[in-house]
Protein backbone atom coordinates (compact mmCIF):
# COMPACT_ATOMS: atom_id res chain seq x y z
CA MET A 1 17.17 60.22 -35.56
CA VAL A 2 20.46 61.22 -34.11
CA THR A 3 22.07 59.05 -36.81
CA LEU A 4 20.01 60.40 -39.49
CA ALA A 5 21.23 63.97 -38.68
CA ILE A 6 24.71 63.06 -38.42
CA GLY A 7 24.22 61.58 -41.99
CA ILE A 8 22.59 64.84 -43.43
CA LEU A 9 25.36 66.82 -41.82
CA ILE A 10 27.93 64.61 -43.73
CA LEU A 11 26.17 65.24 -46.77
CA VAL A 12 25.89 69.29 -46.18
CA ILE A 13 29.50 69.52 -45.42
CA LEU A 14 30.84 67.61 -48.31
CA ILE A 15 28.55 69.76 -50.46
CA ILE A 16 29.82 73.02 -48.93
CA LEU A 17 33.61 71.87 -49.40
CA GLY A 18 32.91 71.26 -53.11
CA VAL A 19 32.70 67.37 -53.43
CA PRO A 20 30.59 66.39 -56.34
CA VAL A 21 26.99 66.08 -55.26
CA ALA A 22 26.78 62.37 -56.28
CA MET A 23 29.79 61.71 -54.36
CA ALA A 24 28.42 63.30 -51.26
CA PHE A 25 25.36 61.41 -51.38
CA GLY A 26 27.28 58.12 -51.74
CA ALA A 27 29.40 59.04 -48.71
CA MET A 28 25.96 59.43 -46.66
CA ALA A 29 25.03 55.96 -47.97
CA ILE A 30 28.21 54.51 -46.70
CA PHE A 31 27.78 55.97 -43.23
CA LEU A 32 23.98 55.16 -42.87
CA ALA A 33 24.75 51.49 -44.05
CA SER A 34 27.64 51.13 -41.70
CA ALA A 35 25.73 52.92 -38.84
CA PHE A 36 22.66 50.62 -38.90
CA ASP A 37 24.70 47.54 -40.07
CA VAL A 38 22.61 46.79 -43.10
CA PRO A 39 24.29 44.60 -45.84
CA THR A 40 25.02 46.11 -49.24
CA ARG A 41 23.64 43.07 -50.98
CA MET A 42 20.28 43.88 -50.18
CA LEU A 43 20.58 47.64 -50.70
CA ILE A 44 22.48 47.56 -54.39
CA PRO A 45 19.88 45.49 -56.23
CA THR A 46 17.03 47.83 -55.07
CA ALA A 47 18.71 50.89 -56.28
CA PHE A 48 19.35 49.19 -59.60
CA TYR A 49 15.81 48.20 -59.95
CA GLN A 50 14.80 52.08 -59.25
CA ILE A 51 17.05 53.51 -62.02
CA LYS A 52 15.94 50.93 -64.61
CA SER A 53 12.58 53.10 -64.70
CA VAL A 54 11.26 53.58 -67.96
CA VAL A 55 9.84 57.06 -66.59
CA LEU A 56 13.30 58.22 -65.48
CA LEU A 57 14.27 57.73 -69.10
CA SER A 58 12.51 60.91 -69.62
CA ILE A 59 15.11 62.96 -67.74
CA PRO A 60 17.95 62.74 -70.20
CA PHE A 61 15.64 63.51 -73.11
CA PHE A 62 14.33 66.34 -71.53
CA ILE A 63 17.75 67.75 -70.60
CA LEU A 64 19.08 67.19 -73.92
CA VAL A 65 16.14 69.11 -75.51
CA GLY A 66 17.00 72.12 -73.33
CA SER A 67 20.54 71.90 -74.54
CA LEU A 68 19.31 71.69 -77.98
CA MET A 69 17.20 74.54 -77.68
CA SER A 70 19.85 76.76 -76.57
CA SER A 71 22.67 75.71 -78.91
CA GLY A 72 20.38 75.75 -81.68
CA GLY A 73 18.90 79.18 -81.33
CA LEU A 74 15.39 78.20 -80.53
CA ALA A 75 15.91 80.07 -77.05
CA THR A 76 16.78 83.36 -79.09
CA ARG A 77 13.52 83.05 -81.31
CA LEU A 78 11.38 82.65 -78.24
CA ILE A 79 12.82 85.76 -76.79
CA ASP A 80 12.26 87.66 -79.92
CA PHE A 81 8.61 86.46 -79.86
CA VAL A 82 7.98 87.95 -76.42
CA ASN A 83 9.96 91.10 -77.10
CA SER A 84 7.56 91.83 -80.17
CA ILE A 85 4.75 91.90 -77.69
CA THR A 86 6.32 93.92 -74.50
CA GLY A 87 9.30 95.63 -75.98
CA ARG A 88 7.71 99.21 -76.67
CA ILE A 89 6.79 99.11 -72.87
CA ARG A 90 9.27 100.81 -70.34
CA GLY A 91 10.75 97.79 -68.28
CA GLY A 92 9.34 95.39 -71.00
CA LEU A 93 12.63 93.87 -71.84
CA GLY A 94 12.77 92.77 -68.15
CA ALA A 95 9.17 91.14 -68.35
CA VAL A 96 10.88 89.55 -71.68
CA THR A 97 13.60 87.70 -69.38
CA VAL A 98 10.66 86.46 -66.78
CA ILE A 99 8.44 85.00 -69.51
CA ALA A 100 11.39 83.79 -71.39
CA CYS A 101 12.67 82.06 -68.50
CA ALA A 102 9.02 80.32 -67.89
CA MET A 103 8.75 79.32 -71.47
CA PHE A 104 12.08 78.11 -71.69
CA GLY A 105 11.51 76.14 -68.48
CA SER A 106 8.56 74.63 -69.80
CA ILE A 107 10.82 72.76 -72.19
CA GLY A 108 14.35 72.56 -70.56
CA GLY A 109 12.71 71.46 -67.26
CA SER A 110 15.14 72.77 -64.49
CA CYS A 111 16.61 76.12 -63.01
CA SER A 112 20.18 75.51 -63.95
CA SER A 113 19.22 75.13 -67.71
CA ALA A 114 17.08 78.35 -67.84
CA VAL A 115 19.88 80.20 -66.26
CA ALA A 116 22.29 79.03 -69.17
CA ALA A 117 20.20 79.54 -72.01
CA ILE A 118 18.28 82.84 -71.06
CA GLY A 119 21.03 84.30 -69.07
CA THR A 120 23.70 84.23 -71.95
CA ILE A 121 21.32 86.01 -74.34
CA MET A 122 19.26 88.38 -72.11
CA ILE A 123 21.87 89.83 -69.70
CA PRO A 124 24.05 91.50 -72.49
CA ARG A 125 20.79 92.65 -74.26
CA MET A 126 19.45 94.31 -71.08
CA GLU A 127 22.66 95.74 -70.25
CA GLU A 128 22.68 97.36 -73.83
CA ASN A 129 19.21 98.79 -73.28
CA GLY A 130 19.91 100.47 -70.10
CA TYR A 131 19.57 98.08 -67.34
CA THR A 132 22.30 97.65 -64.88
CA ARG A 133 24.26 94.45 -65.30
CA GLY A 134 23.73 93.47 -61.67
CA TYR A 135 19.98 93.95 -61.99
CA SER A 136 19.99 91.97 -65.18
CA THR A 137 21.60 89.00 -63.48
CA ALA A 138 19.42 89.21 -60.61
CA LEU A 139 16.51 89.02 -62.66
CA VAL A 140 17.57 86.02 -64.47
CA ALA A 141 18.66 84.33 -61.45
CA VAL A 142 15.14 84.75 -59.67
CA SER A 143 13.26 84.20 -62.87
CA SER A 144 14.92 81.00 -63.55
CA ILE A 145 13.18 79.07 -60.45
CA LEU A 146 10.34 79.16 -63.01
CA GLY A 147 12.15 76.08 -64.54
CA GLN A 148 10.84 74.01 -61.66
CA LEU A 149 7.32 75.19 -61.46
CA ILE A 150 6.36 75.41 -65.38
CA PRO A 151 5.95 71.91 -66.75
CA PRO A 152 7.37 69.66 -67.82
CA SER A 153 9.75 69.91 -64.83
CA VAL A 154 12.39 67.60 -64.39
CA PRO A 155 12.57 68.01 -60.42
CA MET A 156 8.63 67.11 -60.58
CA ILE A 157 9.46 64.07 -62.45
CA LEU A 158 11.92 62.89 -59.71
CA PHE A 159 9.37 63.82 -56.94
CA ALA A 160 6.86 61.57 -58.87
CA LEU A 161 9.28 58.83 -59.03
CA VAL A 162 10.51 58.98 -55.28
CA THR A 163 6.98 59.48 -53.87
CA TYR A 164 4.98 57.20 -56.66
CA GLN A 165 2.61 59.99 -57.58
CA SER A 166 1.60 60.94 -61.23
CA ILE A 167 4.07 63.09 -63.04
CA PRO A 168 1.27 64.90 -64.98
CA GLY A 169 -0.42 65.58 -61.75
CA CYS A 170 2.72 66.69 -60.21
CA TRP A 171 3.29 69.16 -63.21
CA LEU A 172 -0.16 70.75 -62.99
CA ALA A 173 0.18 71.12 -59.07
CA THR A 174 3.01 73.81 -59.59
CA ILE A 175 1.43 75.84 -62.61
CA GLY A 176 -0.88 78.18 -60.50
CA PRO A 177 2.03 79.05 -58.35
CA GLY A 178 4.12 79.49 -61.44
CA ILE A 179 1.82 81.91 -63.07
CA ILE A 180 1.51 84.05 -60.02
CA THR A 181 5.25 84.17 -59.59
CA ILE A 182 5.36 85.40 -63.22
CA ILE A 183 2.87 88.11 -62.61
CA ILE A 184 4.68 89.50 -59.52
CA PHE A 185 8.15 89.56 -60.99
CA CYS A 186 6.59 91.38 -64.10
CA ILE A 187 5.08 94.00 -61.60
CA PHE A 188 8.33 94.52 -59.70
CA ASN A 189 10.56 94.62 -62.80
CA PHE A 190 8.28 97.64 -64.04
CA PHE A 191 8.55 99.60 -60.93
CA MET A 192 12.32 98.69 -60.40
CA ALA A 193 13.10 99.49 -64.07
CA ARG A 194 11.95 103.33 -63.36
CA LYS A 195 15.04 103.90 -61.59
CA MET A 196 17.15 103.00 -64.43
CA PRO A 197 17.99 104.95 -67.93
CA VAL A 198 16.02 102.25 -69.74
CA LYS A 199 15.89 102.48 -73.47
CA VAL A 200 12.48 102.19 -74.90
CA LEU A 201 11.64 101.48 -78.40
CA PRO A 202 9.70 104.48 -79.80
CA PRO A 203 5.63 104.07 -80.23
CA ALA A 204 4.50 102.49 -83.62
CA GLY A 205 1.32 102.39 -85.19
CA PHE A 206 -1.34 99.50 -84.60
CA ASN A 207 -0.37 98.17 -87.96
CA GLN A 208 3.30 98.18 -87.53
CA GLN A 209 3.32 96.47 -84.27
CA LEU A 210 0.86 93.72 -85.58
CA ARG A 211 3.18 93.14 -88.35
CA GLU A 212 6.37 93.03 -86.16
CA MET A 213 4.46 90.46 -83.76
CA GLY A 214 3.34 88.54 -86.95
CA ILE A 215 6.99 88.22 -88.24
CA ALA A 216 8.33 87.28 -84.81
CA THR A 217 5.55 84.76 -84.28
CA LYS A 218 6.21 83.29 -87.69
CA ARG A 219 9.96 83.02 -86.77
CA ALA A 220 9.26 81.33 -83.21
CA SER A 221 6.14 79.21 -84.40
CA LEU A 222 8.06 75.78 -84.46
CA ALA A 223 9.70 76.73 -81.24
CA LEU A 224 6.29 77.59 -79.74
CA LEU A 225 4.74 74.37 -81.11
CA LEU A 226 6.98 72.11 -79.28
CA PRO A 227 5.55 72.48 -75.74
CA VAL A 228 1.93 72.75 -77.19
CA LEU A 229 2.72 69.39 -78.95
CA LEU A 230 4.63 68.02 -75.89
CA LEU A 231 1.98 68.65 -72.93
CA GLY A 232 -0.81 68.11 -75.30
CA ALA A 233 0.43 64.52 -76.43
CA ILE A 234 0.63 63.94 -72.39
CA TYR A 235 -2.35 65.31 -71.00
CA GLY A 236 -4.17 63.92 -74.09
CA GLY A 237 -3.24 60.67 -73.30
CA ILE A 238 -1.41 60.01 -76.60
CA ALA A 239 2.15 59.76 -74.90
CA THR A 240 3.75 58.96 -71.72
CA PRO A 241 6.28 61.50 -70.67
CA THR A 242 9.22 59.45 -71.58
CA GLU A 243 7.59 59.11 -75.21
CA ALA A 244 7.06 62.74 -75.44
CA ALA A 245 10.12 63.51 -74.32
CA CYS A 246 11.84 61.14 -77.03
CA VAL A 247 9.80 62.77 -79.65
CA SER A 248 10.72 66.26 -78.50
CA VAL A 249 14.34 65.49 -79.34
CA PHE A 250 13.76 64.16 -82.84
CA TYR A 251 11.48 67.53 -83.27
CA VAL A 252 14.41 69.84 -82.11
CA ILE A 253 17.14 68.27 -84.03
CA PRO A 254 15.72 68.66 -87.50
CA VAL A 255 13.97 71.83 -86.86
CA SER A 256 17.31 73.32 -85.74
CA MET A 257 19.74 71.93 -88.39
CA PHE A 258 17.49 72.00 -91.48
CA VAL A 259 14.79 74.61 -90.96
CA PHE A 260 16.31 77.05 -88.94
CA LYS A 261 19.90 76.17 -89.96
CA THR A 262 21.38 77.31 -86.63
CA LEU A 263 22.91 73.80 -85.40
CA ASP A 264 25.69 72.29 -87.33
CA LEU A 265 26.97 68.50 -86.55
CA ARG A 266 29.50 70.00 -83.93
CA GLY A 267 26.98 71.86 -82.05
CA LEU A 268 24.76 68.69 -81.95
CA GLY A 269 27.60 66.53 -80.70
CA GLN A 270 28.39 69.13 -78.15
CA SER A 271 24.70 69.09 -76.96
CA ILE A 272 24.81 65.20 -76.89
CA VAL A 273 27.97 65.34 -74.74
CA SER A 274 27.07 68.07 -72.39
CA GLY A 275 23.37 66.07 -72.09
CA ALA A 276 25.02 62.81 -71.50
CA THR A 277 27.50 64.04 -68.71
CA THR A 278 24.76 65.75 -67.00
CA THR A 279 22.34 62.69 -67.03
CA GLY A 280 25.35 60.32 -65.93
CA VAL A 281 26.03 62.60 -62.95
CA LEU A 282 22.24 62.53 -62.04
CA VAL A 283 22.03 58.84 -62.49
CA ILE A 284 24.71 58.18 -60.14
CA MET A 285 23.19 60.52 -57.55
CA PHE A 286 19.79 58.94 -57.79
CA PHE A 287 21.33 55.33 -57.45
CA PHE A 288 23.08 56.72 -54.10
CA VAL A 289 19.62 58.44 -53.01
CA MET A 290 17.70 55.31 -53.69
CA ILE A 291 20.18 53.19 -51.22
CA ASN A 292 19.67 56.22 -48.58
CA THR A 293 15.96 56.02 -49.09
CA ARG A 294 15.87 52.31 -48.60
CA ILE A 295 17.87 52.53 -45.26
CA MET A 296 15.84 54.99 -43.95
CA THR A 297 12.57 53.13 -44.83
CA MET A 298 14.00 50.16 -43.33
CA GLU A 299 15.12 51.68 -40.17
CA GLN A 300 11.63 53.74 -40.12
CA LEU A 301 13.52 57.06 -40.03
CA PRO A 302 10.98 59.17 -41.96
CA GLN A 303 8.25 57.67 -39.62
CA GLU A 304 10.24 58.71 -36.39
CA MET A 305 10.77 62.24 -38.03
CA ALA A 306 7.07 62.62 -38.52
CA GLU A 307 6.43 61.83 -35.21
CA TRP A 308 8.94 63.95 -33.64
CA ILE A 309 7.59 66.70 -35.57
CA MET A 310 4.00 66.15 -34.44
CA THR A 311 5.33 65.92 -30.88
CA VAL A 312 6.99 69.45 -31.11
CA SER A 313 3.99 70.78 -32.61
CA PRO A 314 0.85 69.13 -33.13
CA ASN A 315 -0.77 72.09 -34.97
CA LYS A 316 -0.78 71.49 -38.81
CA TYR A 317 0.02 75.17 -39.78
CA VAL A 318 3.09 75.26 -37.26
CA THR A 319 4.34 72.11 -38.89
CA LEU A 320 4.05 73.35 -42.23
CA LEU A 321 6.04 76.39 -41.34
CA MET A 322 8.75 74.14 -39.99
CA VAL A 323 8.64 72.03 -43.04
CA ASN A 324 9.03 75.37 -45.26
CA ILE A 325 12.09 76.15 -42.93
CA PHE A 326 13.76 72.64 -43.73
CA LEU A 327 13.26 73.08 -47.49
CA LEU A 328 14.54 76.40 -47.59
CA GLY A 329 17.66 75.15 -45.91
CA ILE A 330 17.93 72.38 -48.38
CA GLY A 331 17.36 74.71 -51.22
CA MET A 332 20.32 76.95 -50.04
CA ILE A 333 22.93 74.25 -50.15
CA MET A 334 21.82 72.03 -52.98
CA ASP A 335 20.47 72.41 -56.58
CA ASP A 336 16.92 72.02 -57.32
CA ILE A 337 17.24 68.35 -58.66
CA SER A 338 19.09 66.99 -55.83
CA GLY A 339 17.27 69.02 -53.20
CA THR A 340 14.03 67.52 -54.68
CA ILE A 341 15.21 64.15 -54.28
CA ILE A 342 16.26 64.29 -50.55
CA ALA A 343 13.34 66.30 -49.61
CA ALA A 344 11.10 64.00 -51.07
CA SER A 345 12.31 61.02 -49.30
CA LEU A 346 12.55 62.50 -45.91
CA LEU A 347 9.52 64.66 -45.81
CA PHE A 348 6.66 62.74 -47.84
CA PRO A 349 5.76 60.67 -44.98
CA VAL A 350 5.52 63.61 -42.63
CA MET A 351 3.27 65.35 -45.04
CA VAL A 352 1.14 62.03 -45.30
CA LYS A 353 0.75 61.90 -41.76
CA ILE A 354 -0.51 65.54 -41.20
CA GLY A 355 -2.98 65.28 -43.93
CA ILE A 356 -1.38 67.17 -46.87
CA HIS A 357 -2.03 65.95 -50.31
CA PRO A 358 1.15 64.55 -52.18
CA LEU A 359 0.21 66.86 -55.06
CA HIS A 360 -0.09 69.90 -52.65
CA PHE A 361 3.28 68.78 -51.33
CA ALA A 362 4.90 68.71 -54.78
CA ALA A 363 4.09 72.49 -55.11
CA ILE A 364 5.29 73.45 -51.52
CA MET A 365 8.40 71.64 -52.28
CA GLY A 366 9.02 73.24 -55.61
CA THR A 367 8.32 76.85 -54.48
CA ASN A 368 10.33 76.49 -51.38
CA LEU A 369 13.22 74.84 -53.12
CA GLY A 370 13.20 77.61 -55.72
CA LEU A 371 13.26 80.19 -53.06
CA GLY A 372 16.34 78.32 -51.38
CA ASN A 373 18.21 78.13 -54.52
CA VAL A 374 18.45 81.93 -54.96
CA THR A 375 18.88 82.57 -51.05
CA PRO A 376 22.32 83.23 -49.74
CA PRO A 377 24.75 82.24 -48.09
CA THR A 378 25.28 79.25 -50.70
CA ALA A 379 22.46 79.89 -53.27
CA PRO A 380 23.61 77.76 -56.04
CA ILE A 381 21.35 79.21 -58.94
CA LEU A 382 22.02 82.62 -57.82
CA TYR A 383 25.90 82.27 -58.07
CA LEU A 384 25.45 80.50 -61.26
CA ALA A 385 23.81 83.35 -62.66
CA GLY A 386 26.62 85.45 -61.39
CA ARG A 387 29.24 83.37 -63.44
CA ILE A 388 27.21 83.52 -66.49
CA GLY A 389 26.68 87.26 -66.15
CA ASN A 390 30.34 87.98 -65.20
CA CYS A 391 29.05 90.00 -62.49
CA LYS A 392 30.35 90.39 -58.85
CA ILE A 393 27.65 89.29 -55.88
CA GLU A 394 27.49 92.90 -54.43
CA SER A 395 26.15 94.27 -57.68
CA TYR A 396 23.37 91.80 -58.02
CA LEU A 397 22.62 90.48 -54.33
CA LYS A 398 20.39 93.62 -53.30
CA PRO A 399 17.90 93.44 -56.34
CA ALA A 400 18.05 89.36 -56.29
CA MET A 401 16.81 89.93 -52.33
CA ILE A 402 14.07 92.41 -53.10
CA LEU A 403 12.87 90.28 -55.87
CA THR A 404 13.20 87.13 -53.85
CA TYR A 405 11.85 88.11 -50.37
CA LEU A 406 9.14 90.55 -51.60
CA GLY A 407 8.22 88.60 -54.68
CA MET A 408 8.84 84.98 -54.04
CA LEU A 409 8.20 84.47 -50.41
CA PRO A 410 4.57 85.64 -50.60
CA VAL A 411 3.99 82.82 -53.38
CA VAL A 412 5.76 80.34 -51.02
CA LEU A 413 3.26 81.17 -48.20
CA LEU A 414 0.34 81.36 -50.31
CA THR A 415 0.90 77.98 -51.83
CA THR A 416 1.72 76.35 -48.65
CA TYR A 417 -1.49 77.50 -46.81
CA TRP A 418 -3.95 77.63 -49.83
CA PRO A 419 -4.12 74.02 -51.15
CA GLY A 420 -6.65 75.12 -53.84
CA LEU A 421 -3.99 77.18 -55.56
CA SER A 422 -1.90 73.81 -56.49
CA LEU A 423 -4.90 71.24 -56.32
CA PHE A 424 -7.42 72.97 -58.63
CA LEU A 425 -5.90 72.04 -62.15
CA PRO A 426 -4.93 68.44 -60.76
CA ARG A 427 -8.64 68.26 -59.76
CA LEU A 428 -9.89 69.63 -63.00
CA PHE A 429 -7.84 67.16 -64.99
CA GLY A 430 -9.28 64.25 -62.97
CA PHE A 431 -5.89 63.45 -61.12
CA ILE A 432 -7.83 64.20 -57.75
CA LYS A 433 -10.93 62.30 -57.16
């Protein structure tokens, strides 16, 4: 246990110092292999076998889809569609931001992609309509965590790979917490918008509003169809997640280039390069994490951690609280993807030992890491939103903390201590007998 603690400390220090996350995981792997005298000839083939997974192949396609949607204008059409429904309500543009992050998360699959795609569009638009830039940045940051709760979520794919669970089952487990988070953020936004000189579109007759909604729906119809086709094919048993992700790429490209005509060859090339770069970093990181996981399994470190936690507190609910605090700490120093991998490999045996269903743990982990990603002092997603919004931290920190702790923290606790919230849909679709 002491050796594992030192290894994690090395990982954390290197990340805080700015060392690339993949290399930080590599340093941890080298330390653990040396400390336990494990020959690398046993570790490297195992890690290569893991990254050869066909399921892992879905991740670069989902990343590419998110990049193409952002550069191809599909994200803008989704925003206009939601705005046609809520735009004439005071605070409606803030609700548009929350819902747009959720909708983009259902395709882009990660927090960072939602911040990049929605933040660049919505922060300037909200400021033009009377919202402060700090509040707009904060709302985008906290809403982006919906990217790992609304399927298809890339972090949940990695969780399923590490813990050998069903990917669709993990996706379903986070939908309940995700929907409640959307509702809470929208309610908070309506109250907080009252203190700002927010511009509201003048009231319109029913026929005019219906006509505007029809135009926006028509413009966004092909973008709205994508998540329906994607998830429908997966849950209908027509395609695997990898096949559906691949088809999504070949759907977005012609729609953006030839139907909407918002994506040219240069933009396509930039999206492919950006997606390939992100994927390369992710694969290297996953390779080193698999080495770390193999070492920990061989040395039975997760089992020792489970026994230690049970010794400290045999009470199941106190143990869950300790796990929540640990996950929150991981989320504060790592992004959603790397945090998911290390948390799943370390804590999954603990959860199994205290009788927590794997899909329930997927939801607990997703909500906690999302909360950690926007919690200072490190808060990677919060600072990313600040850079995109070109906003100083003192301007957006207070509204972000209000939304985080009064809005998101109750969802974390509800998810943790009410298993039915996350297990209802997996049980309904037959993933839990």
